[in-house]
């Protein structure tokens, strides 16, 4: 199976939606831009947000098995995907990609 690197790319925050719909919470997310994890055998990496993982798990598992080219050419790198977590108020975008044993992109 392939190793899959997951990189936190960017977070978008919607304060207007938060003010209108969300009950105030002090702490919502520990993810930081540029943070990386490596999934081995399509498994949840240590320290990965479980909610974010639920949004990307299927893509990571498929990439780990050597499948890719999602949606017939969606991504420039067919062995990758850009997935956002399911937080509608402050979603994070994650780039997931197959890496070789040296940690380089294919």
N, C-alpha and C. Protein backbone atom coordinates (compact mmCIF):
# COMPACT_ATOMS: atom_id res chain seq x y z
N UNK A 1 0.84 -1.20 0.00
CA UNK A 1 0.00 0.00 0.00
C UNK A 1 0.87 1.25 0.00
N UNK A 2 0.33 2.32 -0.57
CA UNK A 2 1.03 3.60 -0.62
C UNK A 2 0.88 4.36 0.69
N UNK A 3 1.89 5.18 0.97
CA UNK A 3 1.76 6.15 2.06
C UNK A 3 1.08 7.38 1.47
N UNK A 4 0.27 8.03 2.27
CA UNK A 4 -0.46 9.21 1.81
C UNK A 4 -0.17 10.36 2.77
N UNK A 5 0.36 11.45 2.20
CA UNK A 5 0.63 12.65 3.00
C UNK A 5 -0.60 13.54 2.97
N UNK A 6 -0.94 14.07 4.12
CA UNK A 6 -2.07 14.99 4.27
C UNK A 6 -1.50 16.32 4.75
N UNK A 7 -1.76 17.39 3.99
CA UNK A 7 -1.24 18.71 4.34
C UNK A 7 -2.39 19.68 4.52
N UNK A 8 -2.43 20.35 5.67
CA UNK A 8 -3.43 21.40 5.91
C UNK A 8 -3.02 22.62 5.10
N UNK A 9 -3.84 22.99 4.13
CA UNK A 9 -3.48 24.06 3.20
C UNK A 9 -4.02 25.43 3.65
N UNK A 10 -5.31 25.51 3.90
CA UNK A 10 -5.90 26.82 4.20
C UNK A 10 -7.20 26.64 4.97
N UNK A 11 -7.44 27.57 5.89
CA UNK A 11 -8.71 27.60 6.61
C UNK A 11 -9.50 28.83 6.18
N UNK A 12 -10.77 28.64 5.98
CA UNK A 12 -11.68 29.74 5.69
C UNK A 12 -12.60 29.89 6.88
N UNK A 13 -12.87 31.12 7.28
CA UNK A 13 -13.73 31.37 8.44
C UNK A 13 -14.88 32.26 8.00
N UNK A 14 -16.08 31.90 8.42
CA UNK A 14 -17.28 32.64 8.08
C UNK A 14 -17.90 33.24 9.34
N UNK A 15 -17.40 34.41 9.79
CA UNK A 15 -17.91 35.01 11.03
C UNK A 15 -19.40 35.34 10.97
N UNK A 16 -19.90 35.70 9.79
CA UNK A 16 -21.33 36.03 9.68
C UNK A 16 -22.19 34.80 9.95
N UNK A 17 -21.78 33.65 9.44
CA UNK A 17 -22.53 32.41 9.71
C UNK A 17 -22.39 31.99 11.16
N UNK A 18 -21.20 32.18 11.73
CA UNK A 18 -20.98 31.85 13.13
C UNK A 18 -21.91 32.69 14.02
N UNK A 19 -21.97 34.00 13.74
CA UNK A 19 -22.81 34.89 14.54
C UNK A 19 -24.28 34.53 14.43
N UNK A 20 -24.68 34.12 13.25
CA UNK A 20 -26.10 33.84 13.02
C UNK A 20 -26.54 32.46 13.53
N UNK A 21 -25.67 31.45 13.42
CA UNK A 21 -26.12 30.08 13.68
C UNK A 21 -25.39 29.32 14.78
N UNK A 22 -24.17 29.70 15.11
CA UNK A 22 -23.37 28.89 16.03
C UNK A 22 -23.46 29.39 17.46
N UNK A 23 -23.59 28.47 18.40
CA UNK A 23 -23.43 28.83 19.80
C UNK A 23 -21.94 29.07 20.03
N UNK A 24 -21.60 30.14 20.76
CA UNK A 24 -20.17 30.45 20.96
C UNK A 24 -19.43 29.27 21.59
N UNK A 25 -18.26 28.97 21.03
CA UNK A 25 -17.39 27.95 21.61
C UNK A 25 -15.98 28.54 21.70
N UNK A 26 -15.26 28.13 22.75
CA UNK A 26 -13.94 28.69 22.97
C UNK A 26 -12.87 28.07 22.09
N UNK A 27 -13.01 26.78 21.82
CA UNK A 27 -11.94 26.09 21.09
C UNK A 27 -12.57 25.13 20.09
N UNK A 28 -12.33 25.38 18.81
CA UNK A 28 -12.96 24.55 17.78
C UNK A 28 -11.98 23.69 16.98
N UNK A 29 -10.73 24.14 16.84
CA UNK A 29 -9.84 23.45 15.90
C UNK A 29 -8.38 23.63 16.32
N UNK A 30 -7.62 22.53 16.28
CA UNK A 30 -6.19 22.57 16.60
C UNK A 30 -5.31 22.55 15.36
N UNK A 31 -5.90 22.44 14.19
CA UNK A 31 -5.13 22.32 12.96
C UNK A 31 -4.51 23.67 12.60
N UNK A 32 -3.26 23.62 12.09
CA UNK A 32 -2.56 24.83 11.65
C UNK A 32 -2.17 24.68 10.19
N UNK A 33 -2.20 25.78 9.45
CA UNK A 33 -1.78 25.75 8.05
C UNK A 33 -0.37 25.21 7.94
N UNK A 34 -0.14 24.32 6.99
CA UNK A 34 1.17 23.72 6.78
C UNK A 34 1.40 22.44 7.57
N UNK A 35 0.55 22.17 8.53
CA UNK A 35 0.69 20.95 9.34
C UNK A 35 0.52 19.73 8.43
N UNK A 36 1.31 18.68 8.71
CA UNK A 36 1.27 17.48 7.88
C UNK A 36 1.16 16.22 8.73
N UNK A 37 0.54 15.22 8.12
CA UNK A 37 0.43 13.89 8.69
C UNK A 37 0.70 12.90 7.57
N UNK A 38 1.07 11.67 7.93
CA UNK A 38 1.23 10.61 6.94
C UNK A 38 0.35 9.45 7.36
N UNK A 39 -0.50 9.03 6.44
CA UNK A 39 -1.35 7.87 6.65
C UNK A 39 -0.62 6.65 6.09
N UNK A 40 -0.50 5.63 6.91
CA UNK A 40 0.13 4.38 6.50
C UNK A 40 -0.97 3.32 6.41
N UNK A 41 -1.01 2.64 5.28
CA UNK A 41 -2.03 1.62 5.03
C UNK A 41 -3.45 2.18 5.10
N UNK A 42 -3.62 3.45 4.77
CA UNK A 42 -4.95 4.06 4.75
C UNK A 42 -5.56 4.28 6.12
N UNK A 43 -4.72 4.29 7.15
CA UNK A 43 -5.22 4.43 8.52
C UNK A 43 -5.15 5.88 9.01
N UNK A 44 -5.98 6.19 9.99
CA UNK A 44 -6.00 7.51 10.63
C UNK A 44 -4.62 7.81 11.22
N UNK A 45 -3.98 8.89 10.79
CA UNK A 45 -2.67 9.24 11.36
C UNK A 45 -2.82 9.77 12.78
N UNK A 46 -1.80 9.55 13.60
CA UNK A 46 -1.79 10.09 14.96
C UNK A 46 -1.91 11.60 14.90
N UNK A 47 -2.77 12.16 15.74
CA UNK A 47 -2.92 13.60 15.85
C UNK A 47 -3.84 14.25 14.83
N UNK A 48 -4.38 13.46 13.89
CA UNK A 48 -5.31 14.01 12.89
C UNK A 48 -6.67 14.25 13.53
N UNK A 49 -7.28 15.35 13.21
CA UNK A 49 -8.62 15.67 13.70
C UNK A 49 -9.60 14.60 13.22
N UNK A 50 -10.31 13.93 14.13
CA UNK A 50 -11.25 12.89 13.72
C UNK A 50 -12.35 13.38 12.79
N UNK A 51 -12.80 14.60 12.97
CA UNK A 51 -13.85 15.14 12.10
C UNK A 51 -13.32 15.38 10.69
N UNK A 52 -12.11 15.93 10.59
CA UNK A 52 -11.50 16.13 9.27
C UNK A 52 -11.26 14.77 8.61
N UNK A 53 -10.81 13.80 9.40
CA UNK A 53 -10.56 12.46 8.86
C UNK A 53 -11.82 11.86 8.26
N UNK A 54 -12.95 12.08 8.89
CA UNK A 54 -14.19 11.50 8.36
C UNK A 54 -14.52 12.08 6.98
N UNK A 55 -14.06 13.28 6.69
CA UNK A 55 -14.30 13.90 5.39
C UNK A 55 -13.37 13.37 4.29
N UNK A 56 -12.20 12.89 4.68
CA UNK A 56 -11.20 12.49 3.68
C UNK A 56 -10.88 11.01 3.68
N UNK A 57 -11.36 10.27 4.65
CA UNK A 57 -10.98 8.86 4.83
C UNK A 57 -11.10 8.04 3.55
N UNK A 58 -12.21 8.14 2.87
CA UNK A 58 -12.41 7.33 1.67
C UNK A 58 -11.36 7.65 0.60
N UNK A 59 -11.04 8.92 0.40
CA UNK A 59 -10.03 9.31 -0.58
C UNK A 59 -8.65 8.78 -0.18
N UNK A 60 -8.31 8.90 1.10
CA UNK A 60 -7.01 8.41 1.57
C UNK A 60 -6.91 6.89 1.38
N UNK A 61 -7.97 6.18 1.73
CA UNK A 61 -7.96 4.72 1.57
C UNK A 61 -7.78 4.32 0.11
N UNK A 62 -8.47 5.01 -0.79
CA UNK A 62 -8.34 4.69 -2.22
C UNK A 62 -6.95 5.01 -2.74
N UNK A 63 -6.40 6.15 -2.35
CA UNK A 63 -5.03 6.49 -2.77
C UNK A 63 -4.03 5.49 -2.22
N UNK A 64 -4.22 5.06 -0.99
CA UNK A 64 -3.32 4.07 -0.39
C UNK A 64 -3.34 2.76 -1.16
N UNK A 65 -4.47 2.43 -1.75
CA UNK A 65 -4.61 1.20 -2.54
C UNK A 65 -4.11 1.37 -3.98
N UNK A 66 -3.68 2.58 -4.34
CA UNK A 66 -3.18 2.82 -5.68
C UNK A 66 -4.23 3.33 -6.65
N UNK A 67 -5.40 3.61 -6.14
CA UNK A 67 -6.45 4.18 -6.99
C UNK A 67 -6.36 5.70 -6.94
N UNK A 68 -6.87 6.35 -7.94
CA UNK A 68 -6.82 7.81 -8.00
C UNK A 68 -7.62 8.30 -9.18
N UNK A 69 -7.18 9.40 -9.76
CA UNK A 69 -7.86 10.02 -10.88
C UNK A 69 -9.35 10.21 -10.58
N UNK A 70 -9.62 10.81 -9.44
CA UNK A 70 -10.99 11.05 -9.01
C UNK A 70 -11.69 12.00 -9.98
N UNK A 71 -12.91 11.72 -10.26
CA UNK A 71 -13.76 12.56 -11.12
C UNK A 71 -13.13 12.82 -12.48
N UNK A 72 -12.46 11.80 -13.02
CA UNK A 72 -11.92 11.84 -14.39
C UNK A 72 -11.07 13.06 -14.70
N UNK A 73 -10.02 13.26 -13.95
CA UNK A 73 -9.08 14.34 -14.26
C UNK A 73 -9.25 15.60 -13.44
N UNK A 74 -9.92 15.51 -12.32
CA UNK A 74 -10.15 16.66 -11.44
C UNK A 74 -8.85 17.33 -11.01
N UNK A 75 -7.87 16.53 -10.60
CA UNK A 75 -6.62 17.06 -10.06
C UNK A 75 -5.50 16.97 -11.09
N UNK A 76 -4.59 17.96 -11.09
CA UNK A 76 -3.42 17.91 -11.97
C UNK A 76 -2.59 16.67 -11.67
N UNK A 77 -2.41 16.36 -10.39
CA UNK A 77 -1.74 15.13 -9.98
C UNK A 77 -2.86 14.11 -9.74
N UNK A 78 -2.99 13.09 -10.60
CA UNK A 78 -4.10 12.15 -10.47
C UNK A 78 -4.06 11.32 -9.19
N UNK A 79 -2.92 11.31 -8.52
CA UNK A 79 -2.81 10.55 -7.27
C UNK A 79 -2.89 11.51 -6.08
N UNK A 80 -3.85 12.43 -6.15
CA UNK A 80 -4.05 13.42 -5.09
C UNK A 80 -5.51 13.84 -5.07
N UNK A 81 -5.85 14.61 -4.03
CA UNK A 81 -7.19 15.20 -3.92
C UNK A 81 -7.11 16.41 -2.98
N UNK A 82 -8.02 17.35 -3.14
CA UNK A 82 -8.16 18.48 -2.23
C UNK A 82 -9.51 18.32 -1.55
N UNK A 83 -9.48 18.13 -0.25
CA UNK A 83 -10.68 17.82 0.52
C UNK A 83 -10.81 18.81 1.67
N UNK A 84 -12.01 19.24 1.95
CA UNK A 84 -12.25 20.14 3.09
C UNK A 84 -12.93 19.38 4.21
N UNK A 85 -12.63 19.80 5.43
CA UNK A 85 -13.30 19.19 6.58
C UNK A 85 -14.77 19.63 6.59
N UNK A 86 -15.55 19.03 7.44
CA UNK A 86 -16.99 19.26 7.42
C UNK A 86 -17.46 20.36 8.39
N UNK A 87 -16.56 21.20 8.87
CA UNK A 87 -16.94 22.33 9.72
C UNK A 87 -17.45 23.45 8.80
N UNK A 88 -18.73 23.69 8.82
CA UNK A 88 -19.32 24.69 7.93
C UNK A 88 -19.00 26.13 8.30
N UNK A 89 -18.48 26.35 9.52
CA UNK A 89 -18.16 27.70 9.96
C UNK A 89 -16.69 28.07 9.74
N UNK A 90 -15.80 27.07 9.80
CA UNK A 90 -14.36 27.31 9.67
C UNK A 90 -13.67 26.14 8.99
N UNK A 91 -14.09 25.79 7.76
CA UNK A 91 -13.52 24.61 7.10
C UNK A 91 -12.05 24.77 6.75
N UNK A 92 -11.32 23.69 6.91
CA UNK A 92 -9.93 23.60 6.50
C UNK A 92 -9.86 22.81 5.22
N UNK A 93 -9.03 23.24 4.28
CA UNK A 93 -8.78 22.49 3.05
C UNK A 93 -7.49 21.70 3.23
N UNK A 94 -7.55 20.42 2.86
CA UNK A 94 -6.41 19.52 2.99
C UNK A 94 -6.04 18.97 1.62
N UNK A 95 -4.74 19.00 1.31
CA UNK A 95 -4.23 18.38 0.10
C UNK A 95 -3.72 17.00 0.50
N UNK A 96 -4.25 15.97 -0.13
CA UNK A 96 -3.81 14.60 0.15
C UNK A 96 -3.15 14.05 -1.10
N UNK A 97 -2.00 13.39 -0.91
CA UNK A 97 -1.23 12.92 -2.06
C UNK A 97 -0.46 11.66 -1.69
N UNK A 98 -0.29 10.80 -2.67
CA UNK A 98 0.54 9.62 -2.50
C UNK A 98 1.99 10.05 -2.45
N UNK A 99 2.74 9.46 -1.53
CA UNK A 99 4.18 9.71 -1.45
C UNK A 99 4.90 8.38 -1.52
N UNK A 100 6.15 8.42 -1.96
CA UNK A 100 6.92 7.18 -1.98
C UNK A 100 7.63 7.02 -0.65
N UNK A 101 8.43 5.98 -0.52
CA UNK A 101 9.10 5.70 0.74
C UNK A 101 10.10 6.78 1.17
N UNK A 102 10.53 7.62 0.22
CA UNK A 102 11.47 8.68 0.54
C UNK A 102 10.74 9.95 0.99
N UNK A 103 9.40 9.93 0.91
CA UNK A 103 8.62 11.10 1.32
C UNK A 103 8.43 12.13 0.23
N UNK A 104 8.79 11.79 -1.00
CA UNK A 104 8.63 12.73 -2.11
C UNK A 104 7.32 12.51 -2.80
N UNK A 105 6.84 13.54 -3.49
CA UNK A 105 5.63 13.39 -4.31
C UNK A 105 5.97 12.51 -5.49
N UNK A 106 4.95 11.80 -6.03
CA UNK A 106 5.22 10.93 -7.18
C UNK A 106 5.58 11.73 -8.42
